[in-house]
C-alpha atoms as a PDB file:
ATOM      1  CA  UNK A   1      54.264  19.210  30.987  1.00  0.00           C
ATOM      2  CA  UNK A   2      51.162  18.617  33.073  1.00  0.00           C
ATOM      3  CA  UNK A   3      49.467  20.806  35.687  1.00  0.00           C
ATOM      4  CA  UNK A   4      51.325  19.183  38.590  1.00  0.00           C
ATOM      5  CA  UNK A   5      54.731  19.963  37.082  1.00  0.00           C
ATOM      6  CA  UNK A   6      53.626  23.541  36.317  1.00  0.00           C
ATOM      7  CA  UNK A   7      52.575  24.049  39.947  1.00  0.00           C
ATOM      8  CA  UNK A   8      55.828  22.562  41.286  1.00  0.00           C
ATOM      9  CA  UNK A   9      57.937  24.734  38.999  1.00  0.00           C
ATOM     10  CA  UNK A  10      55.887  27.810  39.926  1.00  0.00           C
ATOM     11  CA  UNK A  11      56.371  27.059  43.632  1.00  0.00           C
ATOM     12  CA  UNK A  12      60.121  26.683  43.111  1.00  0.00           C
ATOM     13  CA  UNK A  13      60.256  29.855  41.038  1.00  0.00           C
ATOM     14  CA  UNK A  14      58.339  31.925  43.570  1.00  0.00           C
ATOM     15  CA  UNK A  15      60.558  30.659  46.407  1.00  0.00           C
ATOM     16  CA  UNK A  16      63.754  31.580  44.577  1.00  0.00           C
ATOM     17  CA  UNK A  17      62.177  34.806  43.341  1.00  0.00           C
ATOM     18  CA  UNK A  18      61.364  35.857  46.913  1.00  0.00           C
ATOM     19  CA  UNK A  19      65.059  35.501  47.854  1.00  0.00           C
ATOM     20  CA  UNK A  20      66.135  37.399  44.735  1.00  0.00           C
ATOM     21  CA  UNK A  21      63.592  40.111  45.599  1.00  0.00           C
ATOM     22  CA  UNK A  22      65.163  40.627  49.027  1.00  0.00           C
ATOM     23  CA  UNK A  23      68.632  40.875  47.510  1.00  0.00           C
ATOM     24  CA  UNK A  24      67.373  43.203  44.764  1.00  0.00           C
ATOM     25  CA  UNK A  25      65.773  45.525  47.326  1.00  0.00           C
ATOM     26  CA  UNK A  26      69.048  45.608  49.290  1.00  0.00           C
ATOM     27  CA  UNK A  27      71.078  46.428  46.181  1.00  0.00           C
ATOM     28  CA  UNK A  28      68.569  49.126  45.230  1.00  0.00           C
ATOM     29  CA  UNK A  29      68.561  50.600  48.748  1.00  0.00           C
ATOM     30  CA  UNK A  30      72.358  50.808  48.884  1.00  0.00           C
ATOM     31  CA  UNK A  31      72.573  52.284  45.383  1.00  0.00           C
ATOM     32  CA  UNK A  32      69.943  54.975  45.874  1.00  0.00           C
ATOM     33  CA  UNK A  33      71.349  56.163  49.205  1.00  0.00           C
ATOM     34  CA  UNK A  34      75.118  55.836  48.641  1.00  0.00           C
ATOM     35  CA  UNK A  35      75.509  55.483  44.816  1.00  0.00           C
ATOM     36  CA  UNK A  36      77.397  52.240  45.498  1.00  0.00           C
ATOM     37  CA  UNK A  37      76.546  49.325  43.203  1.00  0.00           C
ATOM     38  CA  UNK A  38      77.160  46.790  45.949  1.00  0.00           C
ATOM     39  CA  UNK A  39      78.442  43.665  44.184  1.00  0.00           C
ATOM     40  CA  UNK A  40      79.201  41.702  47.421  1.00  0.00           C
ATOM     41  CA  UNK A  41      75.559  41.756  48.578  1.00  0.00           C
ATOM     42  CA  UNK A  42      75.300  38.000  48.007  1.00  0.00           C
ATOM     43  CA  UNK A  43      78.322  37.383  50.245  1.00  0.00           C
ATOM     44  CA  UNK A  44      76.190  38.224  53.286  1.00  0.00           C
ATOM     45  CA  UNK A  45      73.808  35.406  52.288  1.00  0.00           C
ATOM     46  CA  UNK A  46      76.658  32.925  51.745  1.00  0.00           C
ATOM     47  CA  UNK A  47      78.408  33.907  54.991  1.00  0.00           C
ATOM     48  CA  UNK A  48      75.153  33.600  56.916  1.00  0.00           C
ATOM     49  CA  UNK A  49      74.271  30.182  55.498  1.00  0.00           C
ATOM     50  CA  UNK A  50      77.750  28.750  56.055  1.00  0.00           C
ATOM     51  CA  UNK A  51      77.984  30.201  59.571  1.00  0.00           C
ATOM     52  CA  UNK A  52      74.631  28.623  60.480  1.00  0.00           C
ATOM     53  CA  UNK A  53      75.813  25.290  59.037  1.00  0.00           C
ATOM     54  CA  UNK A  54      79.026  25.520  61.073  1.00  0.00           C
ATOM     55  CA  UNK A  55      77.081  26.294  64.260  1.00  0.00           C
ATOM     56  CA  UNK A  56      74.743  23.344  63.692  1.00  0.00           C
ATOM     57  CA  UNK A  57      77.768  21.115  63.173  1.00  0.00           C
ATOM     58  CA  UNK A  58      79.218  22.342  66.476  1.00  0.00           C
ATOM     59  CA  UNK A  59      82.237  23.905  64.777  1.00  0.00           C
ATOM     60  CA  UNK A  60      83.691  27.253  65.881  1.00  0.00           C
ATOM     61  CA  UNK A  61      82.601  30.079  63.588  1.00  0.00           C
ATOM     62  CA  UNK A  62      85.848  31.168  61.948  1.00  0.00           C
ATOM     63  CA  UNK A  63      84.121  34.267  60.596  1.00  0.00           C
ATOM     64  CA  UNK A  64      84.346  35.850  64.055  1.00  0.00           C
ATOM     65  CA  UNK A  65      88.064  36.465  63.369  1.00  0.00           C
ATOM     66  CA  UNK A  66      87.127  38.566  60.358  1.00  0.00           C
ATOM     67  CA  UNK A  67      84.640  40.536  62.490  1.00  0.00           C
ATOM     68  CA  UNK A  68      87.389  41.160  65.057  1.00  0.00           C
ATOM     69  CA  UNK A  69      89.830  42.284  62.365  1.00  0.00           C
ATOM     70  CA  UNK A  70      87.257  44.675  60.901  1.00  0.00           C
ATOM     71  CA  UNK A  71      86.505  46.030  64.402  1.00  0.00           C
ATOM     72  CA  UNK A  72      90.185  46.694  65.093  1.00  0.00           C
ATOM     73  CA  UNK A  73      90.650  48.434  61.736  1.00  0.00           C
ATOM     74  CA  UNK A  74      87.483  50.478  62.313  1.00  0.00           C
ATOM     75  CA  UNK A  75      88.668  51.504  65.791  1.00  0.00           C
ATOM     76  CA  UNK A  76      92.047  52.625  64.434  1.00  0.00           C
ATOM     77  CA  UNK A  77      90.371  54.536  61.597  1.00  0.00           C
ATOM     78  CA  UNK A  78      88.060  56.319  64.059  1.00  0.00           C
ATOM     79  CA  UNK A  79      90.991  57.241  66.312  1.00  0.00           C
ATOM     80  CA  UNK A  80      92.913  58.633  63.350  1.00  0.00           C
ATOM     81  CA  UNK A  81      89.887  60.687  62.260  1.00  0.00           C
ATOM     82  CA  UNK A  82      89.443  62.083  65.780  1.00  0.00           C
ATOM     83  CA  UNK A  83      93.149  62.894  66.019  1.00  0.00           C
ATOM     84  CA  UNK A  84      93.123  64.747  62.682  1.00  0.00           C
ATOM     85  CA  UNK A  85      90.032  66.727  63.698  1.00  0.00           C
ATOM     86  CA  UNK A  86      90.850  67.563  67.342  1.00  0.00           C
ATOM     87  CA  UNK A  87      94.634  67.193  67.481  1.00  0.00           C
ATOM     88  CA  UNK A  88      94.370  64.640  70.273  1.00  0.00           C
ATOM     89  CA  UNK A  89      93.004  61.142  70.814  1.00  0.00           C
ATOM     90  CA  UNK A  90      89.710  60.855  72.691  1.00  0.00           C
ATOM     91  CA  UNK A  91      88.063  57.512  73.443  1.00  0.00           C
ATOM     92  CA  UNK A  92      84.293  57.347  73.890  1.00  0.00           C
ATOM     93  CA  UNK A  93      82.085  54.672  75.429  1.00  0.00           C
ATOM     94  CA  UNK A  94      80.592  53.896  72.018  1.00  0.00           C
ATOM     95  CA  UNK A  95      84.085  53.360  70.602  1.00  0.00           C
ATOM     96  CA  UNK A  96      84.905  50.896  73.422  1.00  0.00           C
ATOM     97  CA  UNK A  97      81.617  49.032  72.932  1.00  0.00           C
ATOM     98  CA  UNK A  98      82.196  48.642  69.193  1.00  0.00           C
ATOM     99  CA  UNK A  99      85.691  47.328  69.853  1.00  0.00           C
ATOM    100  CA  UNK A 100      84.620  44.936  72.618  1.00  0.00           C
ATOM    101  CA  UNK A 101      81.590  43.521  70.760  1.00  0.00           C
ATOM    102  CA  UNK A 102      83.383  40.964  68.513  1.00  0.00           C
ATOM    103  CA  UNK A 103      85.570  39.765  71.389  1.00  0.00           C
ATOM    104  CA  UNK A 104      82.495  39.218  73.573  1.00  0.00           C
ATOM    105  CA  UNK A 105      80.834  37.391  70.684  1.00  0.00           C
ATOM    106  CA  UNK A 106      83.923  35.213  70.198  1.00  0.00           C
ATOM    107  CA  UNK A 107      83.823  34.275  73.888  1.00  0.00           C
ATOM    108  CA  UNK A 108      80.134  33.413  73.540  1.00  0.00           C
ATOM    109  CA  UNK A 109      80.829  31.165  70.549  1.00  0.00           C
ATOM    110  CA  UNK A 110      83.590  29.446  72.528  1.00  0.00           C
ATOM    111  CA  UNK A 111      81.561  28.857  75.688  1.00  0.00           C
ATOM    112  CA  UNK A 112      78.140  27.883  74.332  1.00  0.00           C
ATOM    113  CA  UNK A 113      77.278  24.322  73.221  1.00  0.00           C
ATOM    114  CA  UNK A 114      76.509  25.523  69.696  1.00  0.00           C
ATOM    115  CA  UNK A 115      75.173  22.300  68.165  1.00  0.00           C
ATOM    116  CA  UNK A 116      72.621  21.694  70.924  1.00  0.00           C
ATOM    117  CA  UNK A 117      71.188  25.219  70.991  1.00  0.00           C
ATOM    118  CA  UNK A 118      67.629  25.825  69.704  1.00  0.00           C
ATOM    119  CA  UNK A 119      67.496  26.829  66.042  1.00  0.00           C
ATOM    120  CA  UNK A 120      66.175  30.304  66.880  1.00  0.00           C
ATOM    121  CA  UNK A 121      69.233  30.966  69.088  1.00  0.00           C
ATOM    122  CA  UNK A 122      71.557  29.607  66.400  1.00  0.00           C
ATOM    123  CA  UNK A 123      69.940  31.958  63.872  1.00  0.00           C
ATOM    124  CA  UNK A 124      70.273  34.941  66.248  1.00  0.00           C
ATOM    125  CA  UNK A 125      73.964  34.132  66.814  1.00  0.00           C
ATOM    126  CA  UNK A 126      74.455  33.982  63.047  1.00  0.00           C
ATOM    127  CA  UNK A 127      72.799  37.372  62.582  1.00  0.00           C
ATOM    128  CA  UNK A 128      74.832  38.820  65.474  1.00  0.00           C
ATOM    129  CA  UNK A 129      77.981  37.717  63.671  1.00  0.00           C
ATOM    130  CA  UNK A 130      77.187  38.653  60.066  1.00  0.00           C
ATOM    131  CA  UNK A 131      75.046  41.811  60.289  1.00  0.00           C
ATOM    132  CA  UNK A 132      77.641  44.100  62.015  1.00  0.00           C
ATOM    133  CA  UNK A 133      79.900  43.553  59.023  1.00  0.00           C
ATOM    134  CA  UNK A 134      77.635  45.785  56.936  1.00  0.00           C
ATOM    135  CA  UNK A 135      78.357  49.071  58.793  1.00  0.00           C
ATOM    136  CA  UNK A 136      81.990  47.993  59.223  1.00  0.00           C
ATOM    137  CA  UNK A 137      82.402  47.523  55.468  1.00  0.00           C
ATOM    138  CA  UNK A 138      80.901  50.948  54.813  1.00  0.00           C
ATOM    139  CA  UNK A 139      83.165  52.598  57.404  1.00  0.00           C
ATOM    140  CA  UNK A 140      86.355  50.983  56.149  1.00  0.00           C
ATOM    141  CA  UNK A 141      85.906  50.891  52.394  1.00  0.00           C
ATOM    142  CA  UNK A 142      83.253  53.404  51.305  1.00  0.00           C
ATOM    143  CA  UNK A 143      83.097  56.240  53.852  1.00  0.00           C
ATOM    144  CA  UNK A 144      86.596  57.524  52.995  1.00  0.00           C
ATOM    145  CA  UNK A 145      85.636  57.733  49.288  1.00  0.00           C
ATOM    146  CA  UNK A 146      81.957  58.649  49.665  1.00  0.00           C
ATOM    147  CA  UNK A 147      82.287  61.578  47.244  1.00  0.00           C
ATOM    148  CA  UNK A 148      84.158  59.607  44.571  1.00  0.00           C
ATOM    149  CA  UNK A 149      82.614  58.950  41.155  1.00  0.00           C
ATOM    150  CA  UNK A 150      80.288  55.956  40.688  1.00  0.00           C
ATOM    151  CA  UNK A 151      82.962  54.288  38.555  1.00  0.00           C
ATOM    152  CA  UNK A 152      85.478  54.391  41.418  1.00  0.00           C
ATOM    153  CA  UNK A 153      82.851  53.059  43.837  1.00  0.00           C
ATOM    154  CA  UNK A 154      82.082  50.226  41.393  1.00  0.00           C
ATOM    155  CA  UNK A 155      85.762  49.301  41.130  1.00  0.00           C
ATOM    156  CA  UNK A 156      85.999  49.187  44.930  1.00  0.00           C
ATOM    157  CA  UNK A 157      82.883  46.972  45.018  1.00  0.00           C
ATOM    158  CA  UNK A 158      84.421  44.490  42.582  1.00  0.00           C
ATOM    159  CA  UNK A 159      87.676  44.388  44.542  1.00  0.00           C
ATOM    160  CA  UNK A 160      85.781  43.981  47.801  1.00  0.00           C
ATOM    161  CA  UNK A 161      83.714  41.132  46.332  1.00  0.00           C
ATOM    162  CA  UNK A 162      86.871  39.247  45.310  1.00  0.00           C
ATOM    163  CA  UNK A 163      88.457  39.848  48.721  1.00  0.00           C
ATOM    164  CA  UNK A 164      85.367  38.698  50.643  1.00  0.00           C
ATOM    165  CA  UNK A 165      85.088  35.606  48.461  1.00  0.00           C
ATOM    166  CA  UNK A 166      88.702  34.715  49.218  1.00  0.00           C
ATOM    167  CA  UNK A 167      88.176  35.321  52.923  1.00  0.00           C
ATOM    168  CA  UNK A 168      85.076  33.111  52.719  1.00  0.00           C
ATOM    169  CA  UNK A 169      87.198  30.280  51.303  1.00  0.00           C
ATOM    170  CA  UNK A 170      89.705  30.796  54.121  1.00  0.00           C
ATOM    171  CA  UNK A 171      87.009  30.816  56.819  1.00  0.00           C
ATOM    172  CA  UNK A 172      84.701  28.055  55.600  1.00  0.00           C
ATOM    173  CA  UNK A 173      86.789  25.965  53.230  1.00  0.00           C
ATOM    174  CA  UNK A 174      85.774  24.635  49.826  1.00  0.00           C
ATOM    175  CA  UNK A 175      83.053  22.304  51.147  1.00  0.00           C
ATOM    176  CA  UNK A 176      79.451  23.390  50.927  1.00  0.00           C
ATOM    177  CA  UNK A 177      77.016  23.791  53.804  1.00  0.00           C
ATOM    178  CA  UNK A 178      73.342  23.020  54.269  1.00  0.00           C
ATOM    179  CA  UNK A 179      71.249  23.557  57.379  1.00  0.00           C
ATOM    180  CA  UNK A 180      68.254  21.947  59.039  1.00  0.00           C
ATOM    181  CA  UNK A 181      64.888  23.306  57.783  1.00  0.00           C
ATOM    182  CA  UNK A 182      63.085  25.748  60.064  1.00  0.00           C
ATOM    183  CA  UNK A 183      59.810  24.086  59.033  1.00  0.00           C
ATOM    184  CA  UNK A 184      59.827  20.398  58.156  1.00  0.00           C
ATOM    185  CA  UNK A 185      56.138  19.967  57.403  1.00  0.00           C
ATOM    186  CA  UNK A 186      54.519  19.543  53.984  1.00  0.00           C
ATOM    187  CA  UNK A 187      51.077  20.931  53.180  1.00  0.00           C
ATOM    188  CA  UNK A 188      48.987  18.974  50.649  1.00  0.00           C
ATOM    189  CA  UNK A 189      46.445  20.856  48.538  1.00  0.00           C
ATOM    190  CA  UNK A 190      44.377  18.285  46.725  1.00  0.00           C
ATOM    191  CA  UNK A 191      46.118  15.417  44.969  1.00  0.00           C
ATOM    192  CA  UNK A 192      48.322  17.523  42.689  1.00  0.00           C
ATOM    193  CA  UNK A 193      50.095  20.103  44.825  1.00  0.00           C
ATOM    194  CA  UNK A 194      52.288  19.725  47.886  1.00  0.00           C
ATOM    195  CA  UNK A 195      53.694  22.893  49.415  1.00  0.00           C
ATOM    196  CA  UNK A 196      57.054  22.501  51.095  1.00  0.00           C
ATOM    197  CA  UNK A 197      56.989  24.053  54.574  1.00  0.00           C
ATOM    198  CA  UNK A 198      60.443  25.634  54.210  1.00  0.00           C
ATOM    199  CA  UNK A 199      59.476  27.127  50.822  1.00  0.00           C
ATOM    200  CA  UNK A 200      56.329  28.624  52.362  1.00  0.00           C
ATOM    201  CA  UNK A 201      58.480  29.947  55.219  1.00  0.00           C
ATOM    202  CA  UNK A 202      60.808  31.645  52.682  1.00  0.00           C
ATOM    203  CA  UNK A 203      57.933  33.387  50.926  1.00  0.00           C
ATOM    204  CA  UNK A 204      56.230  34.384  54.195  1.00  0.00           C
ATOM    205  CA  UNK A 205      59.392  35.794  55.818  1.00  0.00           C
ATOM    206  CA  UNK A 206      60.272  37.618  52.583  1.00  0.00           C
ATOM    207  CA  UNK A 207      56.841  39.264  52.519  1.00  0.00           C
ATOM    208  CA  UNK A 208      57.148  40.216  56.206  1.00  0.00           C
ATOM    209  CA  UNK A 209      60.600  41.711  55.625  1.00  0.00           C
ATOM    210  CA  UNK A 210      59.381  43.716  52.628  1.00  0.00           C
ATOM    211  CA  UNK A 211      56.409  45.017  54.645  1.00  0.00           C
ATOM    212  CA  UNK A 212      58.703  45.853  57.589  1.00  0.00           C
ATOM    213  CA  UNK A 213      61.050  47.773  55.274  1.00  0.00           C
ATOM    214  CA  UNK A 214      58.065  49.586  53.747  1.00  0.00           C
ATOM    215  CA  UNK A 215      56.832  50.623  57.205  1.00  0.00           C
ATOM    216  CA  UNK A 216      60.338  51.648  58.292  1.00  0.00           C
ATOM    217  CA  UNK A 217      60.864  53.899  55.286  1.00  0.00           C
ATOM    218  CA  UNK A 218      57.320  55.246  55.287  1.00  0.00           C
ATOM    219  CA  UNK A 219      56.595  55.736  58.984  1.00  0.00           C
ATOM    220  CA  UNK A 220      59.845  56.290  60.892  1.00  0.00           C
ATOM    221  CA  UNK A 221      62.112  59.332  61.096  1.00  0.00           C
ATOM    222  CA  UNK A 222      65.223  57.299  60.268  1.00  0.00           C
ATOM    223  CA  UNK A 223      63.510  55.799  57.214  1.00  0.00           C
ATOM    224  CA  UNK A 224      62.398  59.219  55.988  1.00  0.00           C
ATOM    225  CA  UNK A 225      65.954  60.507  56.462  1.00  0.00           C
ATOM    226  CA  UNK A 226      67.255  57.704  54.238  1.00  0.00           C
ATOM    227  CA  UNK A 227      64.597  58.461  51.618  1.00  0.00           C
ATOM    228  CA  UNK A 228      65.603  62.103  51.700  1.00  0.00           C
ATOM    229  CA  UNK A 229      69.230  61.149  51.032  1.00  0.00           C
ATOM    230  CA  UNK A 230      68.110  58.882  48.182  1.00  0.00           C
ATOM    231  CA  UNK A 231      66.052  61.638  46.552  1.00  0.00           C
ATOM    232  CA  UNK A 232      68.455  64.534  47.027  1.00  0.00           C
ATOM    233  CA  UNK A 233      71.810  64.027  48.743  1.00  0.00           C
ATOM    234  CA  UNK A 234      72.778  67.692  48.774  1.00  0.00           C
ATOM    235  CA  UNK A 235      69.388  68.830  50.044  1.00  0.00           C
ATOM    236  CA  UNK A 236      69.391  66.172  52.759  1.00  0.00           C
ATOM    237  CA  UNK A 237      72.850  67.259  53.878  1.00  0.00           C
ATOM    238  CA  UNK A 238      71.682  70.890  54.069  1.00  0.00           C
ATOM    239  CA  UNK A 239      68.803  69.749  56.289  1.00  0.00           C
ATOM    240  CA  UNK A 240      71.277  68.209  58.753  1.00  0.00           C
ATOM    241  CA  UNK A 241      71.046  64.549  57.728  1.00  0.00           C
ATOM    242  CA  UNK A 242      74.478  62.988  58.064  1.00  0.00           C
ATOM    243  CA  UNK A 243      75.601  61.080  54.929  1.00  0.00           C
ATOM    244  CA  UNK A 244      77.831  58.944  57.150  1.00  0.00           C
ATOM    245  CA  UNK A 245      74.877  57.931  59.298  1.00  0.00           C
ATOM    246  CA  UNK A 246      72.790  57.248  56.188  1.00  0.00           C
ATOM    247  CA  UNK A 247      75.547  55.082  54.711  1.00  0.00           C
ATOM    248  CA  UNK A 248      76.059  53.030  57.860  1.00  0.00           C
ATOM    249  CA  UNK A 249      72.377  52.356  58.479  1.00  0.00           C
ATOM    250  CA  UNK A 250      71.862  51.494  54.810  1.00  0.00           C
ATOM    251  CA  UNK A 251      74.650  48.917  54.931  1.00  0.00           C
ATOM    252  CA  UNK A 252      73.230  47.609  58.214  1.00  0.00           C
ATOM    253  CA  UNK A 253      69.908  46.885  56.500  1.00  0.00           C
ATOM    254  CA  UNK A 254      71.666  45.421  53.460  1.00  0.00           C
ATOM    255  CA  UNK A 255      73.626  43.040  55.696  1.00  0.00           C
ATOM    256  CA  UNK A 256      70.510  42.154  57.697  1.00  0.00           C
ATOM    257  CA  UNK A 257      68.444  41.340  54.615  1.00  0.00           C
ATOM    258  CA  UNK A 258      71.345  39.426  53.045  1.00  0.00           C
ATOM    259  CA  UNK A 259      71.943  37.403  56.218  1.00  0.00           C
ATOM    260  CA  UNK A 260      68.245  36.550  56.584  1.00  0.00           C
ATOM    261  CA  UNK A 261      68.172  35.501  52.920  1.00  0.00           C
ATOM    262  CA  UNK A 262      71.066  33.128  53.581  1.00  0.00           C
ATOM    263  CA  UNK A 263      69.304  31.608  56.602  1.00  0.00           C
ATOM    264  CA  UNK A 264      66.155  31.061  54.539  1.00  0.00           C
ATOM    265  CA  UNK A 265      67.785  29.495  51.509  1.00  0.00           C
ATOM    266  CA  UNK A 266      70.368  27.343  53.346  1.00  0.00           C
ATOM    267  CA  UNK A 267      67.921  24.484  54.134  1.00  0.00           C
ATOM    268  CA  UNK A 268      66.789  24.362  50.474  1.00  0.00           C
ATOM    269  CA  UNK A 269      70.100  24.235  48.647  1.00  0.00           C
ATOM    270  CA  UNK A 270      73.757  23.655  49.412  1.00  0.00           C
ATOM    271  CA  UNK A 271      75.732  26.894  49.460  1.00  0.00           C
ATOM    272  CA  UNK A 272      79.463  27.295  48.971  1.00  0.00           C
ATOM    273  CA  UNK A 273      81.877  30.111  49.737  1.00  0.00           C
ATOM    274  CA  UNK A 274      81.378  31.514  46.216  1.00  0.00           C
ATOM    275  CA  UNK A 275      77.597  30.995  45.949  1.00  0.00           C
ATOM    276  CA  UNK A 276      76.913  34.564  47.009  1.00  0.00           C
ATOM    277  CA  UNK A 277      78.039  35.957  43.669  1.00  0.00           C
ATOM    278  CA  UNK A 278      75.364  34.174  41.612  1.00  0.00           C
ATOM    279  CA  UNK A 279      72.676  34.953  44.204  1.00  0.00           C
ATOM    280  CA  UNK A 280      73.590  38.634  44.200  1.00  0.00           C
ATOM    281  CA  UNK A 281      73.825  38.682  40.402  1.00  0.00           C
ATOM    282  CA  UNK A 282      70.288  37.358  40.025  1.00  0.00           C
ATOM    283  CA  UNK A 283      69.090  39.939  42.549  1.00  0.00           C
ATOM    284  CA  UNK A 284      70.958  42.526  40.500  1.00  0.00           C
ATOM    285  CA  UNK A 285      69.059  41.453  37.351  1.00  0.00           C
ATOM    286  CA  UNK A 286      65.810  41.999  39.264  1.00  0.00           C
ATOM    287  CA  UNK A 287      67.005  45.430  40.401  1.00  0.00           C
ATOM    288  CA  UNK A 288      67.969  46.334  36.811  1.00  0.00           C
ATOM    289  CA  UNK A 289      64.496  45.336  35.588  1.00  0.00           C
ATOM    290  CA  UNK A 290      63.226  47.851  38.147  1.00  0.00           C
ATOM    291  CA  UNK A 291      65.565  50.449  36.675  1.00  0.00           C
ATOM    292  CA  UNK A 292      67.499  50.778  39.969  1.00  0.00           C
ATOM    293  CA  UNK A 293      64.857  53.288  41.079  1.00  0.00           C
ATOM    294  CA  UNK A 294      61.600  51.423  41.767  1.00  0.00           C
ATOM    295  CA  UNK A 295      61.294  49.022  44.716  1.00  0.00           C
ATOM    296  CA  UNK A 296      58.015  47.362  43.546  1.00  0.00           C
ATOM    297  CA  UNK A 297      59.378  46.962  40.005  1.00  0.00           C
ATOM    298  CA  UNK A 298      62.584  45.430  41.382  1.00  0.00           C
ATOM    299  CA  UNK A 299      60.583  42.965  43.498  1.00  0.00           C
ATOM    300  CA  UNK A 300      58.357  42.072  40.537  1.00  0.00           C
ATOM    301  CA  UNK A 301      61.411  41.698  38.290  1.00  0.00           C
ATOM    302  CA  UNK A 302      63.041  39.370  40.806  1.00  0.00           C
ATOM    303  CA  UNK A 303      59.962  37.156  40.942  1.00  0.00           C
ATOM    304  CA  UNK A 304      60.040  37.052  37.144  1.00  0.00           C
ATOM    305  CA  UNK A 305      63.709  36.017  37.289  1.00  0.00           C
ATOM    306  CA  UNK A 306      62.860  33.216  39.725  1.00  0.00           C
ATOM    307  CA  UNK A 307      59.987  31.923  37.578  1.00  0.00           C
ATOM    308  CA  UNK A 308      61.964  32.044  34.325  1.00  0.00           C
ATOM    309  CA  UNK A 309      64.879  30.272  35.996  1.00  0.00           C
ATOM    310  CA  UNK A 310      62.593  27.558  37.332  1.00  0.00           C
ATOM    311  CA  UNK A 311      60.822  26.879  34.024  1.00  0.00           C
ATOM    312  CA  UNK A 312      64.120  27.121  32.119  1.00  0.00           C
ATOM    313  CA  UNK A 313      65.552  24.375  34.307  1.00  0.00           C
ATOM    314  CA  UNK A 314      62.756  22.085  33.041  1.00  0.00           C
ATOM    315  CA  UNK A 315      63.189  22.808  29.331  1.00  0.00           C
ATOM    316  CA  UNK A 316      66.931  23.586  29.140  1.00  0.00           C
ATOM    317  CA  UNK A 317      68.618  22.994  32.463  1.00  0.00           C
ATOM    318  CA  UNK A 318      72.131  23.587  31.130  1.00  0.00           C
ATOM    319  CA  UNK A 319      71.178  27.030  29.796  1.00  0.00           C
ATOM    320  CA  UNK A 320      68.997  28.357  32.628  1.00  0.00           C
ATOM    321  CA  UNK A 321      71.695  30.785  33.771  1.00  0.00           C
ATOM    322  CA  UNK A 322      72.189  32.081  30.241  1.00  0.00           C
ATOM    323  CA  UNK A 323      68.456  32.584  29.800  1.00  0.00           C
ATOM    324  CA  UNK A 324      68.139  34.481  33.112  1.00  0.00           C
ATOM    325  CA  UNK A 325      71.060  36.807  32.461  1.00  0.00           C
ATOM    326  CA  UNK A 326      69.972  37.397  28.851  1.00  0.00           C
ATOM    327  CA  UNK A 327      66.882  39.050  30.314  1.00  0.00           C
ATOM    328  CA  UNK A 328      69.000  42.074  31.146  1.00  0.00           C
ATOM    329  CA  UNK A 329      69.757  42.879  27.473  1.00  0.00           C
ATOM    330  CA  UNK A 330      66.255  43.872  26.259  1.00  0.00           C
ATOM    331  CA  UNK A 331      65.642  45.750  29.506  1.00  0.00           C
ATOM    332  CA  UNK A 332      68.826  47.791  29.076  1.00  0.00           C
ATOM    333  CA  UNK A 333      68.040  48.410  25.398  1.00  0.00           C
ATOM    334  CA  UNK A 334      64.553  49.610  26.244  1.00  0.00           C
ATOM    335  CA  UNK A 335      65.809  51.892  29.013  1.00  0.00           C
ATOM    336  CA  UNK A 336      68.607  53.320  26.887  1.00  0.00           C
ATOM    337  CA  UNK A 337      66.064  54.276  24.209  1.00  0.00           C
ATOM    338  CA  UNK A 338      63.663  55.748  26.743  1.00  0.00           C
ATOM    339  CA  UNK A 339      66.116  57.635  28.995  1.00  0.00           C
ATOM    340  CA  UNK A 340      67.661  61.006  28.224  1.00  0.00           C
ATOM    341  CA  UNK A 341      71.455  60.990  28.276  1.00  0.00           C
ATOM    342  CA  UNK A 342      72.831  63.136  31.105  1.00  0.00           C
ATOM    343  CA  UNK A 343      76.507  63.932  31.475  1.00  0.00           C
ATOM    344  CA  UNK A 344      77.932  63.071  34.875  1.00  0.00           C
ATOM    345  CA  UNK A 345      79.202  66.601  35.420  1.00  0.00           C
ATOM    346  CA  UNK A 346      75.759  68.009  34.618  1.00  0.00           C
ATOM    347  CA  UNK A 347      74.142  65.487  36.979  1.00  0.00           C
ATOM    348  CA  UNK A 348      76.467  66.444  39.850  1.00  0.00           C
ATOM    349  CA  UNK A 349      75.892  70.166  39.226  1.00  0.00           C
END
């Protein structure tokens, strides 16, 4: 292995690691605020990539039907909740807007010449379709069981992952999708290193997203409210912070980060309806290295995962997945020796 190969593998590893870092931060954010180990996080990336590929091919985005179905179910669930609380049905403007949104989006997808739109507009349409699914998923599947044990929440996550994967196959088919690069240029540094423009774009956007999330949680009232819920759920509730609001906004950010990750990685590799699972799993390994508590450690762990995966593909390509996932064993052993065992009942008390 010479210096040129080392630099190419490092570039590939850092690019993948940046995507894993975004997914790891999303998983960590959802877990700390809602106690949900969100297995389907990678599905947002796969849905986003395949939707963008469908738009660029001029095909109708079948995923809009799923958004409409979720919106209808959410509207019915809200009406039922209002009826149980007030004894009568009351419709608000916000309720009507949430119900009308997917239908308006479907009309937009039908009327616009999707394939000839600028890439920025195609990306915005993709985000407008995928991101609202985050709060919808929380409302339909997690809000009714928000006080359940972590084991029950994990079982729901696994079931939801399988369901979303099946719906992805129904919406996009078994064929993979790949999109046009946002940046097609190549930067040459000397005679040994060429930096792919799309790879640089992935790293740059990932850094900007991480900084934006840091500023949101450190400088805004909404971000501080989410941090308060993550640190002490009971105390935050006593201070008037709504757990429902915290859950919905957390899933909104998780869907946003997942969808952006899909847009970034789609020009680099072909994604399929089931690719989200492996992406999310590698982000999960990064989050585990961070102990599911530390955002910087999770980001650093994800970069390590990306680098090890890249160099493993050079030495033992067939075993790179095994090597990456084996990383989790020593980390768990080390944490089990270091952590004090706490009974769940004691923790909840």
